[in-house]
Amino acid sequence: MATELATLLDRWHPEVAVLETPFLGMNTRTLVVLAEVRGALLSVLATRGLEIEEYSPAEVKNAVTGNGRADKGQVARMVSLHLFLADTKLSEDAADALAIAICFAQRGRMDRILAGRE
């Protein structure tokens, strides 16, 4: 997985990586696997010097749907509406990734406004 991430970073040259913080209600085995994968990804991102932003699942859901307790279907529907993708069937993973990107775009803009840079 780290190799694939490095390949993507080489191809796209992003300036920032945006992650969702882990949901703590997972079972122990899932949490251990997630921690291992997350550690590998964060290591690759850090060695590349990328800025890393993180948002909680509730922050992401609130940014996209206006409701921090929205379900996955609501998130996918609102992502499609935000991005004018009504005719596109998004996988759950794609909808989640796009929701995190939308959250970052909204929060980043608000952070710039509050800092007086926009």
PDB file of N, CA and C in Angstrom:
ATOM      1  N   MET A   1       0.821  -1.185   0.000  1.00  0.00           N
ATOM      2  CA  MET A   1       0.000   0.000   0.000  1.00  0.00           C
ATOM      3  C   MET A   1       0.870   1.255   0.000  1.00  0.00           C
ATOM      4  N   ALA A   2       1.949   1.265   0.745  1.00  0.00           N
ATOM      5  CA  ALA A   2       2.837   2.435   0.777  1.00  0.00           C
ATOM      6  C   ALA A   2       3.438   2.708  -0.590  1.00  0.00           C
ATOM      7  N   THR A   3       3.773   1.645  -1.306  1.00  0.00           N
ATOM      8  CA  THR A   3       4.339   1.800  -2.652  1.00  0.00           C
ATOM      9  C   THR A   3       3.330   2.426  -3.601  1.00  0.00           C
ATOM     10  N   GLU A   4       2.078   1.974  -3.517  1.00  0.00           N
ATOM     11  CA  GLU A   4       1.033   2.540  -4.372  1.00  0.00           C
ATOM     12  C   GLU A   4       0.807   4.013  -4.058  1.00  0.00           C
ATOM     13  N   LEU A   5       0.833   4.360  -2.763  1.00  0.00           N
ATOM     14  CA  LEU A   5       0.670   5.769  -2.380  1.00  0.00           C
ATOM     15  C   LEU A   5       1.830   6.595  -2.925  1.00  0.00           C
ATOM     16  N   ALA A   6       3.041   6.091  -2.805  1.00  0.00           N
ATOM     17  CA  ALA A   6       4.202   6.815  -3.320  1.00  0.00           C
ATOM     18  C   ALA A   6       4.077   7.033  -4.830  1.00  0.00           C
ATOM     19  N   THR A   7       3.581   6.036  -5.539  1.00  0.00           N
ATOM     20  CA  THR A   7       3.379   6.162  -6.988  1.00  0.00           C
ATOM     21  C   THR A   7       2.359   7.258  -7.294  1.00  0.00           C
ATOM     22  N   LEU A   8       1.272   7.283  -6.548  1.00  0.00           N
ATOM     23  CA  LEU A   8       0.259   8.328  -6.746  1.00  0.00           C
ATOM     24  C   LEU A   8       0.815   9.721  -6.427  1.00  0.00           C
ATOM     25  N   LEU A   9       1.595   9.810  -5.379  1.00  0.00           N
ATOM     26  CA  LEU A   9       2.194  11.109  -5.022  1.00  0.00           C
ATOM     27  C   LEU A   9       3.147  11.586  -6.116  1.00  0.00           C
ATOM     28  N   ASP A  10       3.915  10.665  -6.685  1.00  0.00           N
ATOM     29  CA  ASP A  10       4.817  11.016  -7.784  1.00  0.00           C
ATOM     30  C   ASP A  10       4.048  11.478  -9.014  1.00  0.00           C
ATOM     31  N   ARG A  11       2.896  10.874  -9.229  1.00  0.00           N
ATOM     32  CA  ARG A  11       2.102  11.222 -10.414  1.00  0.00           C
ATOM     33  C   ARG A  11       1.378  12.553 -10.266  1.00  0.00           C
ATOM     34  N   TRP A  12       0.801  12.805  -9.104  1.00  0.00           N
ATOM     35  CA  TRP A  12      -0.086  13.959  -8.942  1.00  0.00           C
ATOM     36  C   TRP A  12       0.528  15.140  -8.200  1.00  0.00           C
ATOM     37  N   HIS A  13       1.560  14.960  -7.420  1.00  0.00           N
ATOM     38  CA  HIS A  13       2.251  16.029  -6.693  1.00  0.00           C
ATOM     39  C   HIS A  13       1.309  16.890  -5.838  1.00  0.00           C
ATOM     40  N   PRO A  14       0.531  16.275  -4.962  1.00  0.00           N
ATOM     41  CA  PRO A  14      -0.377  17.073  -4.129  1.00  0.00           C
ATOM     42  C   PRO A  14       0.396  17.911  -3.108  1.00  0.00           C
ATOM     43  N   GLU A  15      -0.237  18.950  -2.620  1.00  0.00           N
ATOM     44  CA  GLU A  15       0.370  19.804  -1.602  1.00  0.00           C
ATOM     45  C   GLU A  15      -0.093  19.431  -0.208  1.00  0.00           C
ATOM     46  N   VAL A  16      -1.229  18.766  -0.128  1.00  0.00           N
ATOM     47  CA  VAL A  16      -1.810  18.414   1.165  1.00  0.00           C
ATOM     48  C   VAL A  16      -2.507  17.061   1.053  1.00  0.00           C
ATOM     49  N   ALA A  17      -2.512  16.333   2.151  1.00  0.00           N
ATOM     50  CA  ALA A  17      -3.254  15.073   2.249  1.00  0.00           C
ATOM     51  C   ALA A  17      -4.321  15.266   3.317  1.00  0.00           C
ATOM     52  N   VAL A  18      -5.518  14.833   3.016  1.00  0.00           N
ATOM     53  CA  VAL A  18      -6.629  15.004   3.945  1.00  0.00           C
ATOM     54  C   VAL A  18      -7.141  13.626   4.345  1.00  0.00           C
ATOM     55  N   LEU A  19      -7.206  13.398   5.644  1.00  0.00           N
ATOM     56  CA  LEU A  19      -7.618  12.105   6.177  1.00  0.00           C
ATOM     57  C   LEU A  19      -8.794  12.269   7.121  1.00  0.00           C
ATOM     58  N   GLU A  20      -9.560  11.203   7.244  1.00  0.00           N
ATOM     59  CA  GLU A  20     -10.614  11.154   8.243  1.00  0.00           C
ATOM     60  C   GLU A  20     -10.041  10.463   9.472  1.00  0.00           C
ATOM     61  N   THR A  21     -10.266  11.029  10.651  1.00  0.00           N
ATOM     62  CA  THR A  21      -9.787  10.385  11.865  1.00  0.00           C
ATOM     63  C   THR A  21     -10.544   9.080  12.064  1.00  0.00           C
ATOM     64  N   PRO A  22      -9.902   8.088  12.638  1.00  0.00           N
ATOM     65  CA  PRO A  22     -10.560   6.792  12.808  1.00  0.00           C
ATOM     66  C   PRO A  22     -11.772   6.878  13.728  1.00  0.00           C
ATOM     67  N   PHE A  23     -12.758   6.063  13.412  1.00  0.00           N
ATOM     68  CA  PHE A  23     -13.937   5.922  14.247  1.00  0.00           C
ATOM     69  C   PHE A  23     -13.594   4.954  15.374  1.00  0.00           C
ATOM     70  N   LEU A  24     -13.778   5.359  16.605  1.00  0.00           N
ATOM     71  CA  LEU A  24     -13.306   4.564  17.734  1.00  0.00           C
ATOM     72  C   LEU A  24     -14.227   3.414  18.125  1.00  0.00           C
ATOM     73  N   GLY A  25     -15.358   3.265  17.488  1.00  0.00           N
ATOM     74  CA  GLY A  25     -16.279   2.199  17.833  1.00  0.00           C
ATOM     75  C   GLY A  25     -15.975   0.872  17.157  1.00  0.00           C
ATOM     76  N   MET A  26     -14.813   0.748  16.536  1.00  0.00           N
ATOM     77  CA  MET A  26     -14.465  -0.480  15.814  1.00  0.00           C
ATOM     78  C   MET A  26     -14.049  -1.582  16.784  1.00  0.00           C
ATOM     79  N   ASN A  27     -14.110  -2.825  16.292  1.00  0.00           N
ATOM     80  CA  ASN A  27     -13.606  -3.914  17.126  1.00  0.00           C
ATOM     81  C   ASN A  27     -12.080  -3.861  17.161  1.00  0.00           C
ATOM     82  N   THR A  28     -11.493  -4.553  18.095  1.00  0.00           N
ATOM     83  CA  THR A  28     -10.059  -4.475  18.337  1.00  0.00           C
ATOM     84  C   THR A  28      -9.235  -4.870  17.121  1.00  0.00           C
ATOM     85  N   ARG A  29      -9.608  -5.944  16.459  1.00  0.00           N
ATOM     86  CA  ARG A  29      -8.840  -6.410  15.287  1.00  0.00           C
ATOM     87  C   ARG A  29      -8.870  -5.372  14.171  1.00  0.00           C
ATOM     88  N   THR A  30     -10.021  -4.821  13.896  1.00  0.00           N
ATOM     89  CA  THR A  30     -10.148  -3.801  12.855  1.00  0.00           C
ATOM     90  C   THR A  30      -9.319  -2.575  13.211  1.00  0.00           C
ATOM     91  N   LEU A  31      -9.359  -2.193  14.478  1.00  0.00           N
ATOM     92  CA  LEU A  31      -8.607  -1.025  14.926  1.00  0.00           C
ATOM     93  C   LEU A  31      -7.102  -1.232  14.776  1.00  0.00           C
ATOM     94  N   VAL A  32      -6.620  -2.440  15.064  1.00  0.00           N
ATOM     95  CA  VAL A  32      -5.191  -2.742  14.916  1.00  0.00           C
ATOM     96  C   VAL A  32      -4.776  -2.674  13.444  1.00  0.00           C
ATOM     97  N   VAL A  33      -5.565  -3.271  12.567  1.00  0.00           N
ATOM     98  CA  VAL A  33      -5.253  -3.247  11.129  1.00  0.00           C
ATOM     99  C   VAL A  33      -5.272  -1.809  10.624  1.00  0.00           C
ATOM    100  N   LEU A  34      -6.285  -1.051  11.010  1.00  0.00           N
ATOM    101  CA  LEU A  34      -6.373   0.344  10.590  1.00  0.00           C
ATOM    102  C   LEU A  34      -5.163   1.140  11.082  1.00  0.00           C
ATOM    103  N   ALA A  35      -4.747   0.917  12.308  1.00  0.00           N
ATOM    104  CA  ALA A  35      -3.591   1.630  12.853  1.00  0.00           C
ATOM    105  C   ALA A  35      -2.324   1.307  12.067  1.00  0.00           C
ATOM    106  N   GLU A  36      -2.154   0.044  11.667  1.00  0.00           N
ATOM    107  CA  GLU A  36      -0.975  -0.342  10.889  1.00  0.00           C
ATOM    108  C   GLU A  36      -0.968   0.338   9.522  1.00  0.00           C
ATOM    109  N   VAL A  37      -2.093   0.290   8.843  1.00  0.00           N
ATOM    110  CA  VAL A  37      -2.200   0.911   7.515  1.00  0.00           C
ATOM    111  C   VAL A  37      -2.032   2.418   7.634  1.00  0.00           C
ATOM    112  N   ARG A  38      -2.704   3.003   8.595  1.00  0.00           N
ATOM    113  CA  ARG A  38      -2.626   4.451   8.808  1.00  0.00           C
ATOM    114  C   ARG A  38      -1.192   4.890   9.093  1.00  0.00           C
ATOM    115  N   GLY A  39      -0.486   4.126   9.903  1.00  0.00           N
ATOM    116  CA  GLY A  39       0.903   4.437  10.208  1.00  0.00           C
ATOM    117  C   GLY A  39       1.780   4.415   8.975  1.00  0.00           C
ATOM    118  N   ALA A  40       1.578   3.410   8.128  1.00  0.00           N
ATOM    119  CA  ALA A  40       2.359   3.314   6.885  1.00  0.00           C
ATOM    120  C   ALA A  40       2.062   4.504   5.971  1.00  0.00           C
ATOM    121  N   LEU A  41       0.787   4.843   5.831  1.00  0.00           N
ATOM    122  CA  LEU A  41       0.417   5.967   4.970  1.00  0.00           C
ATOM    123  C   LEU A  41       0.954   7.286   5.510  1.00  0.00           C
ATOM    124  N   LEU A  42       0.812   7.510   6.808  1.00  0.00           N
ATOM    125  CA  LEU A  42       1.317   8.752   7.406  1.00  0.00           C
ATOM    126  C   LEU A  42       2.830   8.858   7.268  1.00  0.00           C
ATOM    127  N   SER A  43       3.508   7.723   7.357  1.00  0.00           N
ATOM    128  CA  SER A  43       4.959   7.723   7.191  1.00  0.00           C
ATOM    129  C   SER A  43       5.346   8.179   5.785  1.00  0.00           C
ATOM    130  N   VAL A  44       4.673   7.641   4.769  1.00  0.00           N
ATOM    131  CA  VAL A  44       4.962   8.032   3.382  1.00  0.00           C
ATOM    132  C   VAL A  44       4.665   9.514   3.191  1.00  0.00           C
ATOM    133  N   LEU A  45       3.523   9.958   3.697  1.00  0.00           N
ATOM    134  CA  LEU A  45       3.146  11.368   3.537  1.00  0.00           C
ATOM    135  C   LEU A  45       4.154  12.284   4.229  1.00  0.00           C
ATOM    136  N   ALA A  46       4.583  11.899   5.417  1.00  0.00           N
ATOM    137  CA  ALA A  46       5.531  12.722   6.172  1.00  0.00           C
ATOM    138  C   ALA A  46       6.890  12.790   5.485  1.00  0.00           C
ATOM    139  N   THR A  47       7.345  11.670   4.925  1.00  0.00           N
ATOM    140  CA  THR A  47       8.654  11.698   4.256  1.00  0.00           C
ATOM    141  C   THR A  47       8.615  12.573   3.015  1.00  0.00           C
ATOM    142  N   ARG A  48       7.425  12.775   2.443  1.00  0.00           N
ATOM    143  CA  ARG A  48       7.275  13.657   1.283  1.00  0.00           C
ATOM    144  C   ARG A  48       7.058  15.106   1.686  1.00  0.00           C
ATOM    145  N   GLY A  49       6.927  15.360   2.974  1.00  0.00           N
ATOM    146  CA  GLY A  49       6.753  16.727   3.448  1.00  0.00           C
ATOM    147  C   GLY A  49       5.375  17.307   3.185  1.00  0.00           C
ATOM    148  N   LEU A  50       4.387  16.454   2.975  1.00  0.00           N
ATOM    149  CA  LEU A  50       3.039  16.944   2.716  1.00  0.00           C
ATOM    150  C   LEU A  50       2.386  17.450   3.995  1.00  0.00           C
ATOM    151  N   GLU A  51       1.622  18.521   3.839  1.00  0.00           N
ATOM    152  CA  GLU A  51       0.766  18.988   4.924  1.00  0.00           C
ATOM    153  C   GLU A  51      -0.320  17.934   5.091  1.00  0.00           C
ATOM    154  N   ILE A  52      -0.653  17.607   6.326  1.00  0.00           N
ATOM    155  CA  ILE A  52      -1.679  16.602   6.589  1.00  0.00           C
ATOM    156  C   ILE A  52      -2.784  17.242   7.413  1.00  0.00           C
ATOM    157  N   GLU A  53      -4.005  17.172   6.910  1.00  0.00           N
ATOM    158  CA  GLU A  53      -5.184  17.669   7.603  1.00  0.00           C
ATOM    159  C   GLU A  53      -6.058  16.481   7.949  1.00  0.00           C
ATOM    160  N   GLU A  54      -6.709  16.548   9.107  1.00  0.00           N
ATOM    161  CA  GLU A  54      -7.592  15.462   9.520  1.00  0.00           C
ATOM    162  C   GLU A  54      -8.911  16.024  10.010  1.00  0.00           C
ATOM    163  N   TYR A  55      -9.989  15.325   9.678  1.00  0.00           N
ATOM    164  CA  TYR A  55     -11.321  15.705  10.115  1.00  0.00           C
ATOM    165  C   TYR A  55     -12.027  14.480  10.662  1.00  0.00           C
ATOM    166  N   SER A  56     -12.850  14.689  11.663  1.00  0.00           N
ATOM    167  CA  SER A  56     -13.622  13.582  12.228  1.00  0.00           C
ATOM    168  C   SER A  56     -14.741  13.196  11.267  1.00  0.00           C
ATOM    169  N   PRO A  57     -15.245  11.978  11.387  1.00  0.00           N
ATOM    170  CA  PRO A  57     -16.368  11.578  10.541  1.00  0.00           C
ATOM    171  C   PRO A  57     -17.557  12.544  10.660  1.00  0.00           C
ATOM    172  N   ALA A  58     -17.827  13.020  11.862  1.00  0.00           N
ATOM    173  CA  ALA A  58     -18.947  13.952  12.051  1.00  0.00           C
ATOM    174  C   ALA A  58     -18.695  15.283  11.340  1.00  0.00           C
ATOM    175  N   GLU A  59     -17.449  15.766  11.354  1.00  0.00           N
ATOM    176  CA  GLU A  59     -17.123  17.005  10.634  1.00  0.00           C
ATOM    177  C   GLU A  59     -17.341  16.846   9.138  1.00  0.00           C
ATOM    178  N   VAL A  60     -16.922  15.706   8.610  1.00  0.00           N
ATOM    179  CA  VAL A  60     -17.074  15.448   7.173  1.00  0.00           C
ATOM    180  C   VAL A  60     -18.555  15.372   6.814  1.00  0.00           C
ATOM    181  N   LYS A  61     -19.316  14.608   7.585  1.00  0.00           N
ATOM    182  CA  LYS A  61     -20.744  14.472   7.313  1.00  0.00           C
ATOM    183  C   LYS A  61     -21.454  15.816   7.408  1.00  0.00           C
ATOM    184  N   ASN A  62     -21.098  16.604   8.410  1.00  0.00           N
ATOM    185  CA  ASN A  62     -21.717  17.915   8.580  1.00  0.00           C
ATOM    186  C   ASN A  62     -21.390  18.842   7.414  1.00  0.00           C
ATOM    187  N   ALA A  63     -20.150  18.803   6.935  1.00  0.00           N
ATOM    188  CA  ALA A  63     -19.750  19.663   5.820  1.00  0.00           C
ATOM    189  C   ALA A  63     -20.513  19.316   4.549  1.00  0.00           C
ATOM    190  N   VAL A  64     -20.799  18.047   4.353  1.00  0.00           N
ATOM    191  CA  VAL A  64     -21.427  17.601   3.110  1.00  0.00           C
ATOM    192  C   VAL A  64     -22.953  17.622   3.191  1.00  0.00           C
ATOM    193  N   THR A  65     -23.501  17.213   4.335  1.00  0.00           N
ATOM    194  CA  THR A  65     -24.956  17.062   4.439  1.00  0.00           C
ATOM    195  C   THR A  65     -25.618  18.081   5.354  1.00  0.00           C
ATOM    196  N   GLY A  66     -24.824  18.728   6.210  1.00  0.00           N
ATOM    197  CA  GLY A  66     -25.412  19.611   7.214  1.00  0.00           C
ATOM    198  C   GLY A  66     -25.834  18.853   8.461  1.00  0.00           C
ATOM    199  N   ASN A  67     -25.536  17.565   8.506  1.00  0.00           N
ATOM    200  CA  ASN A  67     -25.904  16.715   9.636  1.00  0.00           C
ATOM    201  C   ASN A  67     -24.736  15.800   9.961  1.00  0.00           C
ATOM    202  N   GLY A  68     -24.123  15.989  11.120  1.00  0.00           N
ATOM    203  CA  GLY A  68     -22.972  15.195  11.513  1.00  0.00           C
ATOM    204  C   GLY A  68     -23.271  13.738  11.788  1.00  0.00           C
ATOM    205  N   ARG A  69     -24.558  13.368  11.771  1.00  0.00           N
ATOM    206  CA  ARG A  69     -24.946  11.977  12.013  1.00  0.00           C
ATOM    207  C   ARG A  69     -25.564  11.328  10.773  1.00  0.00           C
ATOM    208  N   ALA A  70     -25.323  11.919   9.614  1.00  0.00           N
ATOM    209  CA  ALA A  70     -25.881  11.397   8.361  1.00  0.00           C
ATOM    210  C   ALA A  70     -25.347  10.000   8.084  1.00  0.00           C
ATOM    211  N   ASP A  71     -26.160   9.199   7.384  1.00  0.00           N
ATOM    212  CA  ASP A  71     -25.694   7.860   7.019  1.00  0.00           C
ATOM    213  C   ASP A  71     -24.941   7.910   5.690  1.00  0.00           C
ATOM    214  N   LYS A  72     -24.329   6.784   5.337  1.00  0.00           N
ATOM    215  CA  LYS A  72     -23.504   6.734   4.126  1.00  0.00           C
ATOM    216  C   LYS A  72     -24.295   7.061   2.861  1.00  0.00           C
ATOM    217  N   GLY A  73     -25.537   6.639   2.808  1.00  0.00           N
ATOM    218  CA  GLY A  73     -26.377   6.934   1.648  1.00  0.00           C
ATOM    219  C   GLY A  73     -26.617   8.427   1.488  1.00  0.00           C
ATOM    220  N   GLN A  74     -26.869   9.105   2.608  1.00  0.00           N
ATOM    221  CA  GLN A  74     -27.071  10.553   2.564  1.00  0.00           C
ATOM    222  C   GLN A  74     -25.796  11.263   2.130  1.00  0.00           C
ATOM    223  N   VAL A  75     -24.669  10.802   2.631  1.00  0.00           N
ATOM    224  CA  VAL A  75     -23.389  11.406   2.249  1.00  0.00           C
ATOM    225  C   VAL A  75     -23.151  11.229   0.753  1.00  0.00           C
ATOM    226  N   ALA A  76     -23.353  10.022   0.250  1.00  0.00           N
ATOM    227  CA  ALA A  76     -23.140   9.754  -1.180  1.00  0.00           C
ATOM    228  C   ALA A  76     -24.066  10.617  -2.032  1.00  0.00           C
ATOM    229  N   ARG A  77     -25.308  10.743  -1.622  1.00  0.00           N
ATOM    230  CA  ARG A  77     -26.273  11.556  -2.382  1.00  0.00           C
ATOM    231  C   ARG A  77     -25.844  13.016  -2.417  1.00  0.00           C
ATOM    232  N   MET A  78     -25.424  13.558  -1.289  1.00  0.00           N
ATOM    233  CA  MET A  78     -25.029  14.959  -1.236  1.00  0.00           C
ATOM    234  C   MET A  78     -23.717  15.207  -1.973  1.00  0.00           C
ATOM    235  N   VAL A  79     -22.802  14.257  -1.924  1.00  0.00           N
ATOM    236  CA  VAL A  79     -21.565  14.382  -2.706  1.00  0.00           C
ATOM    237  C   VAL A  79     -21.923  14.483  -4.186  1.00  0.00           C
ATOM    238  N   SER A  80     -22.830  13.620  -4.630  1.00  0.00           N
ATOM    239  CA  SER A  80     -23.266  13.655  -6.030  1.00  0.00           C
ATOM    240  C   SER A  80     -23.881  15.005  -6.385  1.00  0.00           C
ATOM    241  N   LEU A  81     -24.677  15.564  -5.485  1.00  0.00           N
ATOM    242  CA  LEU A  81     -25.295  16.862  -5.738  1.00  0.00           C
ATOM    243  C   LEU A  81     -24.260  17.986  -5.749  1.00  0.00           C
ATOM    244  N   HIS A  82     -23.358  17.977  -4.763  1.00  0.00           N
ATOM    245  CA  HIS A  82     -22.313  19.012  -4.693  1.00  0.00           C
ATOM    246  C   HIS A  82     -21.456  19.031  -5.952  1.00  0.00           C
ATOM    247  N   LEU A  83     -21.163  17.862  -6.479  1.00  0.00           N
ATOM    248  CA  LEU A  83     -20.228  17.749  -7.603  1.00  0.00           C
ATOM    249  C   LEU A  83     -20.917  17.521  -8.946  1.00  0.00           C
ATOM    250  N   PHE A  84     -22.237  17.697  -8.975  1.00  0.00           N
ATOM    251  CA  PHE A  84     -23.007  17.545 -10.214  1.00  0.00           C
ATOM    252  C   PHE A  84     -22.766  16.176 -10.859  1.00  0.00           C
ATOM    253  N   LEU A  85     -22.840  15.144 -10.031  1.00  0.00           N
ATOM    254  CA  LEU A  85     -22.607  13.770 -10.487  1.00  0.00           C
ATOM    255  C   LEU A  85     -23.874  12.923 -10.378  1.00  0.00           C
ATOM    256  N   ALA A  86     -25.017  13.531 -10.594  1.00  0.00           N
ATOM    257  CA  ALA A  86     -26.292  12.839 -10.385  1.00  0.00           C
ATOM    258  C   ALA A  86     -26.407  11.550 -11.178  1.00  0.00           C
ATOM    259  N   ASP A  87     -25.811  11.478 -12.343  1.00  0.00           N
ATOM    260  CA  ASP A  87     -25.913  10.282 -13.177  1.00  0.00           C
ATOM    261  C   ASP A  87     -24.787   9.284 -12.937  1.00  0.00           C
ATOM    262  N   THR A  88     -23.962   9.536 -11.935  1.00  0.00           N
ATOM    263  CA  THR A  88     -22.809   8.681 -11.662  1.00  0.00           C
ATOM    264  C   THR A  88     -23.038   7.896 -10.375  1.00  0.00           C
ATOM    265  N   LYS A  89     -22.871   6.591 -10.442  1.00  0.00           N
ATOM    266  CA  LYS A  89     -22.971   5.746  -9.253  1.00  0.00           C
ATOM    267  C   LYS A  89     -21.597   5.687  -8.595  1.00  0.00           C
ATOM    268  N   LEU A  90     -21.498   6.245  -7.398  1.00  0.00           N
ATOM    269  CA  LEU A  90     -20.230   6.269  -6.671  1.00  0.00           C
ATOM    270  C   LEU A  90     -20.146   5.086  -5.719  1.00  0.00           C
ATOM    271  N   SER A  91     -18.976   4.481  -5.621  1.00  0.00           N
ATOM    272  CA  SER A  91     -18.763   3.460  -4.597  1.00  0.00           C
ATOM    273  C   SER A  91     -18.737   4.165  -3.239  1.00  0.00           C
ATOM    274  N   GLU A  92     -18.914   3.407  -2.171  1.00  0.00           N
ATOM    275  CA  GLU A  92     -18.852   4.012  -0.832  1.00  0.00           C
ATOM    276  C   GLU A  92     -17.494   4.656  -0.592  1.00  0.00           C
ATOM    277  N   ASP A  93     -16.429   3.978  -1.024  1.00  0.00           N
ATOM    278  CA  ASP A  93     -15.085   4.526  -0.822  1.00  0.00           C
ATOM    279  C   ASP A  93     -14.895   5.824  -1.591  1.00  0.00           C
ATOM    280  N   ALA A  94     -15.373   5.868  -2.835  1.00  0.00           N
ATOM    281  CA  ALA A  94     -15.249   7.087  -3.640  1.00  0.00           C
ATOM    282  C   ALA A  94     -16.062   8.219  -3.021  1.00  0.00           C
ATOM    283  N   ALA A  95     -17.279   7.919  -2.579  1.00  0.00           N
ATOM    284  CA  ALA A  95     -18.117   8.942  -1.950  1.00  0.00           C
ATOM    285  C   ALA A  95     -17.455   9.473  -0.677  1.00  0.00           C
ATOM    286  N   ASP A  96     -16.886   8.571   0.118  1.00  0.00           N
ATOM    287  CA  ASP A  96     -16.197   8.996   1.347  1.00  0.00           C
ATOM    288  C   ASP A  96     -14.999   9.890   1.028  1.00  0.00           C
ATOM    289  N   ALA A  97     -14.206   9.488   0.047  1.00  0.00           N
ATOM    290  CA  ALA A  97     -13.019  10.277  -0.318  1.00  0.00           C
ATOM    291  C   ALA A  97     -13.418  11.655  -0.826  1.00  0.00           C
ATOM    292  N   LEU A  98     -14.442  11.707  -1.652  1.00  0.00           N
ATOM    293  CA  LEU A  98     -14.896  12.996  -2.174  1.00  0.00           C
ATOM    294  C   LEU A  98     -15.507  13.852  -1.069  1.00  0.00           C
ATOM    295  N   ALA A  99     -16.195  13.224  -0.113  1.00  0.00           N
ATOM    296  CA  ALA A  99     -16.765  13.961   1.015  1.00  0.00           C
ATOM    297  C   ALA A  99     -15.658  14.608   1.848  1.00  0.00           C
ATOM    298  N   ILE A 100     -14.578  13.876   2.066  1.00  0.00           N
ATOM    299  CA  ILE A 100     -13.451  14.429   2.821  1.00  0.00           C
ATOM    300  C   ILE A 100     -12.829  15.600   2.062  1.00  0.00           C
ATOM    301  N   ALA A 101     -12.734  15.478   0.747  1.00  0.00           N
ATOM    302  CA  ALA A 101     -12.198  16.574  -0.071  1.00  0.00           C
ATOM    303  C   ALA A 101     -13.104  17.798  -0.007  1.00  0.00           C
ATOM    304  N   ILE A 102     -14.415  17.585  -0.053  1.00  0.00           N
ATOM    305  CA  ILE A 102     -15.361  18.702   0.055  1.00  0.00           C
ATOM    306  C   ILE A 102     -15.226  19.373   1.412  1.00  0.00           C
ATOM    307  N   CYS A 103     -15.106  18.581   2.459  1.00  0.00           N
ATOM    308  CA  CYS A 103     -14.928  19.126   3.810  1.00  0.00           C
ATOM    309  C   CYS A 103     -13.671  19.986   3.867  1.00  0.00           C
ATOM    310  N   PHE A 104     -12.588  19.473   3.317  1.00  0.00           N
ATOM    311  CA  PHE A 104     -11.330  20.226   3.313  1.00  0.00           C
ATOM    312  C   PHE A 104     -11.486  21.537   2.551  1.00  0.00           C
ATOM    313  N   ALA A 105     -12.135  21.489   1.401  1.00  0.00           N
ATOM    314  CA  ALA A 105     -12.326  22.695   0.596  1.00  0.00           C
ATOM    315  C   ALA A 105     -13.135  23.738   1.360  1.00  0.00           C
ATOM    316  N   GLN A 106     -14.191  23.288   2.024  1.00  0.00           N
ATOM    317  CA  GLN A 106     -15.018  24.224   2.790  1.00  0.00           C
ATOM    318  C   GLN A 106     -14.284  24.758   4.007  1.00  0.00           C
ATOM    319  N   ARG A 107     -13.663  23.868   4.751  1.00  0.00           N
ATOM    320  CA  ARG A 107     -12.947  24.295   5.966  1.00  0.00           C
ATOM    321  C   ARG A 107     -11.739  25.149   5.622  1.00  0.00           C
ATOM    322  N   GLY A 108     -11.019  24.753   4.570  1.00  0.00           N
ATOM    323  CA  GLY A 108      -9.845  25.524   4.162  1.00  0.00           C
ATOM    324  C   GLY A 108     -10.219  26.934   3.769  1.00  0.00           C
ATOM    325  N   ARG A 109     -11.313  27.071   3.039  1.00  0.00           N
ATOM    326  CA  ARG A 109     -11.770  28.403   2.635  1.00  0.00           C
ATOM    327  C   ARG A 109     -12.163  29.205   3.872  1.00  0.00           C
ATOM    328  N   MET A 110     -12.879  28.585   4.786  1.00  0.00           N
ATOM    329  CA  MET A 110     -13.290  29.284   6.002  1.00  0.00           C
ATOM    330  C   MET A 110     -12.066  29.679   6.825  1.00  0.00           C
ATOM    331  N   ASP A 111     -11.085  28.800   6.913  1.00  0.00           N
ATOM    332  CA  ASP A 111      -9.865  29.122   7.649  1.00  0.00           C
ATOM    333  C   ASP A 111      -9.146  30.322   7.030  1.00  0.00           C
ATOM    334  N   ARG A 112      -9.118  30.391   5.687  1.00  0.00           N
ATOM    335  CA  ARG A 112      -8.489  31.530   5.008  1.00  0.00           C
ATOM    336  C   ARG A 112      -9.270  32.814   5.247  1.00  0.00           C
ATOM    337  N   ILE A 113     -10.604  32.720   5.230  1.00  0.00           N
ATOM    338  CA  ILE A 113     -11.436  33.898   5.485  1.00  0.00           C
ATOM    339  C   ILE A 113     -11.178  34.413   6.897  1.00  0.00           C
ATOM    340  N   LEU A 114     -11.166  33.503   7.868  1.00  0.00           N
ATOM    341  CA  LEU A 114     -10.956  33.907   9.251  1.00  0.00           C
ATOM    342  C   LEU A 114      -9.560  34.467   9.476  1.00  0.00           C
ATOM    343  N   ALA A 115      -8.600  34.012   8.682  1.00  0.00           N
ATOM    344  CA  ALA A 115      -7.237  34.520   8.807  1.00  0.00           C
ATOM    345  C   ALA A 115      -7.043  35.817   8.011  1.00  0.00           C
ATOM    346  N   GLY A 116      -8.099  36.263   7.306  1.00  0.00           N
ATOM    347  CA  GLY A 116      -8.027  37.491   6.551  1.00  0.00           C
ATOM    348  C   GLY A 116      -7.259  37.396   5.249  1.00  0.00           C
ATOM    349  N   ARG A 117      -7.133  36.189   4.717  1.00  0.00           N
ATOM    350  CA  ARG A 117      -6.392  35.984   3.467  1.00  0.00           C
ATOM    351  C   ARG A 117      -7.297  35.873   2.268  1.00  0.00           C
ATOM    352  N   GLU A 118      -8.601  36.062   2.444  1.00  0.00           N
ATOM    353  CA  GLU A 118      -9.510  35.968   1.298  1.00  0.00           C
ATOM    354  C   GLU A 118     -10.562  37.031   1.411  1.00  0.00           C
TER     355      GLU A 118
END
